[in-house]
Amino acid sequence: MKLLNSILDTASPSTAEKFAEVGLYSSRERKARDEIVNAANKVWKRDPSVRKALVNELNQSPDVNKSAVSEVLGMSRSHFNYKSTKGKNPRTSNATMELVTDFYKRPDISIQYPNKNKNYTVLRQSKKKTFKLFKEDFPNIKMSASTFYRLKPKGVKLMRAAKYLQCLCDICDSISMMIRSVKLSFVSLGMIVPLALLPGNETDLASHTVCDMKSLECLRRECSVCSKPKKAVRELLGDWARVKEAPVTYTVWEKILENVKGKDVSKMRKVTKTETRSKFIKALCKRLVGYPLHMVNAMSQLSAYKKCKQGLKPGQAVCVIDFAENYVCRQYKESQTT
């Protein structure tokens, strides 16, 4: 061994290269290789990205001895079977991904809230409710909730992103606030809340007070059964509605006269009221009279807008303009006497 080491250490570069081809190295080279192996052993344990890069590089060589490498580096052979799936989803096709993306951007699923500083595109309902709607529209597509949430576009935010909600419909918002008061009353009394009173089930609430949501006669309350929604509302509320004299506190949007610079101006303001349950039901039924037709009109408009976007021809464009209030138009160039 001493003789062999002396030959390797004193060999010329060309001779040392021949020895290296058969795996024989000088003591200086062996020491350097051991230091490299020890350094690599420490680095790959600390940094997962280095470990993945090292394993990928070794896997590219078909003649690599995985057992020997695992023994030298002190690593498990299972690392050689690692395959990165970052940015890929082998179980979801590109067509399904595009379908989910388009679903998130549908006007009936997400809405763009016009604010003074930023424009927010947020979901109209919770993630769970959105996934439920997706399964109802596409029952043949097998997809888990986690995959559906992960495929959500970055431009579509959750409901909590809409910190300041503007341009809300006073009809829908008033009924939502009244229903919320009923739901809180149910919870405080330990009663089971009907599904139609839960957030995101506004369509179920509207359909509960009419015979058929597709019948124009029912939507206009011209039907003998649908003309009086009070009975349907009492059936929905059940035992809660039977306690007529119990107080209920709720909030609605109403027009109120305010004195502005000496003039009485009608402005829409939130008004908080406390009434008995019987009077509350009357007020709720009064607002529910035109609510189903209002909901159907809104859904029809969203459907028409969707078809308009999908049916665009080359050279055509759809422009949605939101006119903000309290804006003054001024001329770019104006004379002194204007």
Protein backbone atom coordinates (compact mmCIF):
# COMPACT_ATOMS: atom_id res chain seq x y z
CA MET A 1 0.00 0.00 0.00
CA LYS A 2 2.87 2.37 0.78
CA LEU A 3 4.42 1.58 -2.58
CA LEU A 4 1.08 2.12 -4.36
CA ASN A 5 0.50 5.41 -2.53
CA SER A 6 3.95 6.68 -3.43
CA ILE A 7 3.36 5.79 -7.09
CA LEU A 8 -0.01 7.59 -7.11
CA ASP A 9 1.38 10.66 -5.33
CA THR A 10 4.38 11.00 -7.68
CA ALA A 11 2.56 10.15 -10.91
CA SER A 12 2.44 12.67 -13.74
CA PRO A 13 -0.91 14.32 -14.62
CA SER A 14 -1.46 12.04 -17.61
CA THR A 15 -0.64 8.94 -15.55
CA ALA A 16 -2.82 10.16 -12.66
CA GLU A 17 -5.69 10.60 -15.13
CA LYS A 18 -5.28 6.97 -16.24
CA PHE A 19 -5.32 5.83 -12.62
CA ALA A 20 -8.47 7.93 -11.95
CA GLU A 21 -10.29 6.11 -14.77
CA VAL A 22 -10.00 2.87 -12.76
CA GLY A 23 -10.82 4.57 -9.44
CA LEU A 24 -7.28 5.08 -8.04
CA TYR A 25 -6.50 8.54 -6.60
CA SER A 26 -3.62 10.11 -4.76
CA SER A 27 -3.87 10.76 -1.02
CA ARG A 28 -4.35 14.49 -1.70
CA GLU A 29 -7.29 13.85 -4.04
CA ARG A 30 -8.81 11.28 -1.69
CA LYS A 31 -8.71 13.78 1.17
CA ALA A 32 -10.33 16.48 -0.97
CA ARG A 33 -13.08 14.07 -2.07
CA ASP A 34 -13.76 13.09 1.55
CA GLU A 35 -14.07 16.76 2.51
CA ILE A 36 -16.52 17.35 -0.37
CA VAL A 37 -18.60 14.34 0.70
CA ASN A 38 -18.68 15.54 4.34
CA ALA A 39 -19.67 19.06 3.28
CA ALA A 40 -22.40 17.73 0.97
CA ASN A 41 -23.66 15.48 3.78
CA LYS A 42 -24.07 18.51 6.07
CA VAL A 43 -25.64 20.78 3.44
CA TRP A 44 -28.29 18.40 2.10
CA LYS A 45 -29.50 17.69 5.63
CA ARG A 46 -30.04 21.42 6.28
CA ASP A 47 -31.50 22.50 2.95
CA PRO A 48 -34.29 20.41 1.33
CA SER A 49 -33.86 22.22 -2.01
CA VAL A 50 -30.18 21.13 -2.15
CA ARG A 51 -31.21 17.57 -1.32
CA LYS A 52 -33.78 17.56 -4.15
CA ALA A 53 -31.26 19.03 -6.61
CA LEU A 54 -28.62 16.47 -5.56
CA VAL A 55 -31.00 13.54 -5.92
CA ASN A 56 -32.29 14.78 -9.29
CA GLU A 57 -28.72 15.11 -10.55
CA LEU A 58 -27.85 11.59 -9.38
CA ASN A 59 -31.03 10.15 -10.90
CA GLN A 60 -30.00 11.46 -14.31
CA SER A 61 -27.04 9.09 -14.34
CA PRO A 62 -28.21 5.55 -15.27
CA ASP A 63 -25.05 3.90 -13.86
CA VAL A 64 -25.23 5.47 -10.39
CA ASN A 65 -24.90 2.99 -7.54
CA LYS A 66 -27.75 4.13 -5.27
CA SER A 67 -26.74 1.79 -2.47
CA ALA A 68 -23.17 3.10 -2.43
CA VAL A 69 -24.27 6.76 -2.61
CA SER A 70 -26.83 6.24 0.18
CA GLU A 71 -24.15 4.62 2.34
CA VAL A 72 -21.57 7.37 1.73
CA LEU A 73 -24.01 10.24 2.35
CA GLY A 74 -25.90 8.48 5.12
CA MET A 75 -29.22 8.98 3.36
CA SER A 76 -32.20 6.74 2.75
CA ARG A 77 -32.69 5.25 -0.70
CA SER A 78 -36.27 6.54 -0.63
CA HIS A 79 -34.89 9.97 -1.54
CA PHE A 80 -34.06 8.64 -5.00
CA ASN A 81 -37.74 7.88 -5.61
CA TYR A 82 -38.83 11.47 -4.84
CA LYS A 83 -40.60 13.28 -7.68
CA SER A 84 -41.53 16.91 -7.31
CA THR A 85 -45.19 17.71 -8.08
CA LYS A 86 -44.85 21.45 -7.56
CA GLY A 87 -46.97 23.32 -10.08
CA LYS A 88 -48.52 20.10 -11.35
CA ASN A 89 -51.68 18.20 -10.55
CA PRO A 90 -51.62 14.84 -12.35
CA ARG A 91 -55.19 14.06 -11.30
CA THR A 92 -56.68 17.30 -12.69
CA SER A 93 -56.61 17.93 -16.42
CA ASN A 94 -55.97 21.35 -17.95
CA ALA A 95 -59.55 21.47 -19.24
CA THR A 96 -60.89 20.93 -15.70
CA MET A 97 -58.57 23.61 -14.32
CA GLU A 98 -59.84 26.10 -16.92
CA LEU A 99 -63.41 25.11 -16.09
CA VAL A 100 -62.86 25.82 -12.38
CA THR A 101 -61.14 29.13 -13.16
CA ASP A 102 -64.03 30.25 -15.36
CA PHE A 103 -66.48 29.16 -12.67
CA TYR A 104 -64.77 31.34 -10.05
CA LYS A 105 -64.96 34.33 -12.40
CA ARG A 106 -68.66 33.93 -13.20
CA PRO A 107 -70.68 37.05 -12.27
CA ASP A 108 -73.05 34.98 -10.13
CA ILE A 109 -70.11 33.49 -8.17
CA SER A 110 -67.84 36.50 -7.67
CA ILE A 111 -68.51 40.21 -7.92
CA GLN A 112 -66.32 43.25 -8.40
CA TYR A 113 -66.98 45.79 -5.69
CA PRO A 114 -66.33 49.38 -6.79
CA ASN A 115 -64.46 51.18 -4.04
CA LYS A 116 -62.73 54.55 -4.04
CA ASN A 117 -59.20 53.18 -3.73
CA LYS A 118 -59.30 49.61 -5.08
CA ASN A 119 -61.54 47.31 -7.06
CA TYR A 120 -62.14 44.04 -5.25
CA THR A 121 -63.32 40.86 -6.95
CA VAL A 122 -64.62 38.69 -4.13
CA LEU A 123 -66.84 35.65 -3.77
CA ARG A 124 -70.53 36.24 -3.23
CA GLN A 125 -70.69 33.43 -0.65
CA SER A 126 -68.38 31.28 1.47
CA LYS A 127 -65.90 28.77 0.03
CA LYS A 128 -68.05 25.89 1.21
CA LYS A 129 -71.16 27.30 -0.46
CA THR A 130 -69.18 28.04 -3.66
CA PHE A 131 -67.95 24.44 -3.81
CA LYS A 132 -71.53 23.23 -3.28
CA LEU A 133 -72.70 25.32 -6.25
CA PHE A 134 -69.87 23.91 -8.37
CA LYS A 135 -70.90 20.33 -7.56
CA GLU A 136 -74.51 21.18 -8.43
CA ASP A 137 -73.55 22.67 -11.80
CA PHE A 138 -70.98 19.95 -12.65
CA PRO A 139 -72.04 16.74 -10.87
CA ASN A 140 -70.02 14.51 -13.23
CA ILE A 141 -66.65 16.10 -12.31
CA LYS A 142 -64.93 14.33 -9.43
CA MET A 143 -63.03 16.88 -7.37
CA SER A 144 -62.28 17.30 -3.69
CA ALA A 145 -62.95 20.52 -1.83
CA SER A 146 -59.22 21.08 -1.15
CA THR A 147 -58.41 20.84 -4.87
CA PHE A 148 -61.26 23.22 -5.69
CA TYR A 149 -59.98 25.77 -3.14
CA ARG A 150 -56.40 25.43 -4.42
CA LEU A 151 -57.47 26.15 -8.02
CA LYS A 152 -59.02 29.48 -7.03
CA PRO A 153 -57.46 32.31 -9.10
CA LYS A 154 -55.38 34.84 -7.21
CA GLY A 155 -57.53 37.66 -8.52
CA VAL A 156 -60.62 36.27 -6.77
CA LYS A 157 -60.62 37.04 -3.04
CA LEU A 158 -62.66 35.55 -0.22
CA MET A 159 -65.64 37.35 1.29
CA ARG A 160 -63.52 38.83 4.10
CA ALA A 161 -61.47 40.77 1.51
CA ALA A 162 -64.46 43.04 0.87
CA LYS A 163 -63.91 45.26 3.90
CA TYR A 164 -66.08 48.09 2.60
CA LEU A 165 -69.10 46.92 0.63
CA GLN A 166 -70.55 49.60 -1.61
CA CYS A 167 -73.30 49.77 -4.24
CA LEU A 168 -75.31 47.14 -2.38
CA CYS A 169 -78.94 46.49 -3.23
CA ASP A 170 -81.10 47.96 -0.44
CA ILE A 171 -83.86 45.38 -1.10
CA CYS A 172 -81.56 42.36 -0.71
CA ASP A 173 -79.52 43.88 2.12
CA SER A 174 -82.61 44.83 4.15
CA ILE A 175 -84.01 41.29 3.93
CA SER A 176 -80.58 39.84 4.77
CA MET A 177 -80.37 41.99 7.92
CA MET A 178 -83.90 41.00 8.97
CA ILE A 179 -83.16 37.31 8.41
CA ARG A 180 -79.92 37.68 10.37
CA SER A 181 -81.88 39.00 13.35
CA VAL A 182 -84.20 35.97 13.16
CA LYS A 183 -81.22 33.61 12.91
CA LEU A 184 -79.57 35.14 15.99
CA SER A 185 -82.86 34.79 17.86
CA PHE A 186 -83.04 31.10 16.88
CA VAL A 187 -79.47 30.54 18.10
CA SER A 188 -80.03 32.34 21.42
CA LEU A 189 -83.11 30.20 22.09
CA GLY A 190 -81.27 26.99 21.18
CA MET A 191 -83.54 26.30 18.20
CA ILE A 192 -82.47 24.74 14.90
CA VAL A 193 -82.07 27.40 12.21
CA PRO A 194 -83.95 26.55 8.95
CA LEU A 195 -81.68 26.13 5.93
CA ALA A 196 -83.45 28.95 4.05
CA LEU A 197 -82.31 31.41 6.75
CA LEU A 198 -78.62 30.57 6.46
CA PRO A 199 -76.30 32.96 4.55
CA GLY A 200 -76.06 32.21 0.84
CA ASN A 201 -79.54 30.63 0.63
CA GLU A 202 -81.38 33.74 -0.56
CA THR A 203 -82.77 31.87 -3.57
CA ASP A 204 -84.21 29.17 -1.29
CA LEU A 205 -85.87 31.86 0.83
CA ALA A 206 -87.46 33.46 -2.25
CA SER A 207 -88.67 30.13 -3.66
CA HIS A 208 -90.19 29.20 -0.28
CA THR A 209 -92.80 31.96 -0.62
CA VAL A 210 -93.97 31.13 -4.17
CA CYS A 211 -95.36 28.04 -5.88
CA ASP A 212 -93.05 28.14 -8.88
CA MET A 213 -90.02 30.37 -9.47
CA LYS A 214 -90.45 29.89 -13.23
CA SER A 215 -94.04 31.09 -13.30
CA LEU A 216 -94.43 34.81 -13.98
CA GLU A 217 -97.90 34.74 -12.42
CA CYS A 218 -96.45 33.47 -9.12
CA LEU A 219 -93.53 35.90 -9.19
CA ARG A 220 -95.93 38.83 -9.64
CA ARG A 221 -98.06 37.53 -6.72
CA GLU A 222 -101.06 37.13 -9.04
CA CYS A 223 -101.47 33.49 -8.00
CA SER A 224 -104.14 32.84 -5.34
CA VAL A 225 -101.65 30.84 -3.23
CA CYS A 226 -98.65 33.15 -3.72
CA SER A 227 -100.54 36.41 -3.20
CA LYS A 228 -100.17 36.11 0.57
CA PRO A 229 -96.65 35.00 1.62
CA LYS A 230 -97.47 35.31 5.33
CA LYS A 231 -98.57 31.68 5.64
CA ALA A 232 -95.36 30.41 4.02
CA VAL A 233 -93.22 32.62 6.27
CA ARG A 234 -94.99 31.34 9.41
CA GLU A 235 -94.46 27.75 8.27
CA LEU A 236 -90.78 28.49 7.72
CA LEU A 237 -90.31 30.09 11.16
CA GLY A 238 -92.35 27.40 12.93
CA ASP A 239 -92.56 27.64 16.74
CA TRP A 240 -90.62 30.91 16.72
CA ALA A 241 -93.51 32.71 14.97
CA ARG A 242 -96.11 31.40 17.45
CA VAL A 243 -94.73 33.60 20.27
CA LYS A 244 -96.27 36.76 18.83
CA GLU A 245 -95.53 39.27 21.61
CA ALA A 246 -91.80 38.54 22.01
CA PRO A 247 -89.63 41.54 20.95
CA VAL A 248 -87.32 41.47 17.91
CA THR A 249 -84.62 44.02 17.12
CA TYR A 250 -83.67 44.35 13.45
CA THR A 251 -82.14 46.82 10.99
CA VAL A 252 -83.41 47.87 7.55
CA TRP A 253 -82.69 50.50 4.91
CA GLU A 254 -85.26 53.30 4.78
CA LYS A 255 -85.48 56.78 3.26
CA ILE A 256 -85.31 59.50 5.89
CA LEU A 257 -85.68 63.25 5.49
CA GLU A 258 -82.59 65.14 6.63
CA ASN A 259 -82.07 68.87 6.82
CA VAL A 260 -79.11 69.78 4.62
CA LYS A 261 -78.31 73.50 4.35
CA GLY A 262 -81.87 74.44 5.17
CA LYS A 263 -83.47 71.96 2.77
CA ASP A 264 -85.17 68.64 3.51
CA VAL A 265 -83.32 65.97 1.55
CA SER A 266 -84.40 62.31 1.34
CA LYS A 267 -81.47 59.99 2.07
CA MET A 268 -81.20 56.22 2.47
CA ARG A 269 -80.14 55.36 6.02
CA LYS A 270 -80.01 52.24 8.21
CA VAL A 271 -82.79 52.26 10.77
CA THR A 272 -82.85 49.98 13.82
CA LYS A 273 -86.27 48.95 15.07
CA THR A 274 -87.62 46.89 17.96
CA GLU A 275 -91.07 45.37 17.45
CA THR A 276 -93.08 42.29 18.41
CA ARG A 277 -92.64 39.15 16.35
CA SER A 278 -96.10 39.52 14.80
CA LYS A 279 -95.29 43.04 13.54
CA PHE A 280 -91.86 41.88 12.44
CA ILE A 281 -93.40 39.09 10.34
CA LYS A 282 -95.76 41.62 8.71
CA ALA A 283 -92.81 43.88 7.84
CA LEU A 284 -90.83 40.92 6.50
CA CYS A 285 -93.75 39.71 4.36
CA LYS A 286 -94.19 43.22 2.97
CA ARG A 287 -90.59 43.22 1.77
CA LEU A 288 -90.85 39.64 0.48
CA VAL A 289 -93.74 40.50 -1.86
CA GLY A 290 -91.48 41.60 -4.74
CA TYR A 291 -88.37 39.73 -3.58
CA PRO A 292 -88.74 36.55 -5.75
CA LEU A 293 -89.24 38.59 -8.93
CA HIS A 294 -86.30 40.78 -7.94
CA MET A 295 -84.09 37.69 -7.51
CA VAL A 296 -85.17 36.18 -10.84
CA ASN A 297 -84.46 39.47 -12.63
CA ALA A 298 -81.01 39.64 -11.07
CA MET A 299 -80.18 36.03 -12.04
CA SER A 300 -81.50 36.60 -15.57
CA GLN A 301 -79.32 39.68 -15.97
CA LEU A 302 -76.25 37.75 -14.81
CA SER A 303 -77.07 34.92 -17.22
CA ALA A 304 -77.54 37.36 -20.11
CA TYR A 305 -74.25 39.08 -19.27
CA LYS A 306 -72.48 35.71 -19.22
CA LYS A 307 -73.91 34.72 -22.63
CA CYS A 308 -72.97 38.13 -24.03
CA LYS A 309 -69.35 37.65 -22.96
CA GLN A 310 -69.15 34.11 -24.27
CA GLY A 311 -70.74 34.99 -27.62
CA LEU A 312 -68.41 37.83 -28.56
CA LYS A 313 -67.14 37.89 -32.13
CA PRO A 314 -63.74 39.18 -33.31
CA GLY A 315 -63.70 42.95 -33.13
CA GLN A 316 -66.42 43.15 -30.44
CA ALA A 317 -65.98 44.12 -26.79
CA VAL A 318 -68.12 44.34 -23.66
CA CYS A 319 -67.72 47.47 -21.56
CA VAL A 320 -69.16 47.69 -18.03
CA ILE A 321 -69.20 51.28 -16.77
CA ASP A 322 -69.90 52.24 -13.18
CA PHE A 323 -70.79 55.89 -12.73
CA ALA A 324 -69.71 57.16 -9.33
CA GLU A 325 -71.56 60.00 -7.63
CA ASN A 326 -70.31 63.49 -6.75
CA TYR A 327 -68.04 63.75 -9.77
CA VAL A 328 -67.77 67.04 -11.63
CA CYS A 329 -66.95 67.24 -15.34
CA ARG A 330 -64.54 70.07 -16.20
CA GLN A 331 -63.09 71.24 -19.47
CA TYR A 332 -59.44 70.43 -20.12
CA LYS A 333 -58.93 73.86 -21.74
CA GLU A 334 -61.18 76.66 -20.51
CA SER A 335 -61.19 80.34 -21.39
CA GLN A 336 -61.07 83.07 -18.76
CA THR A 337 -64.62 84.28 -19.39
CA THR A 338 -66.24 80.83 -19.35
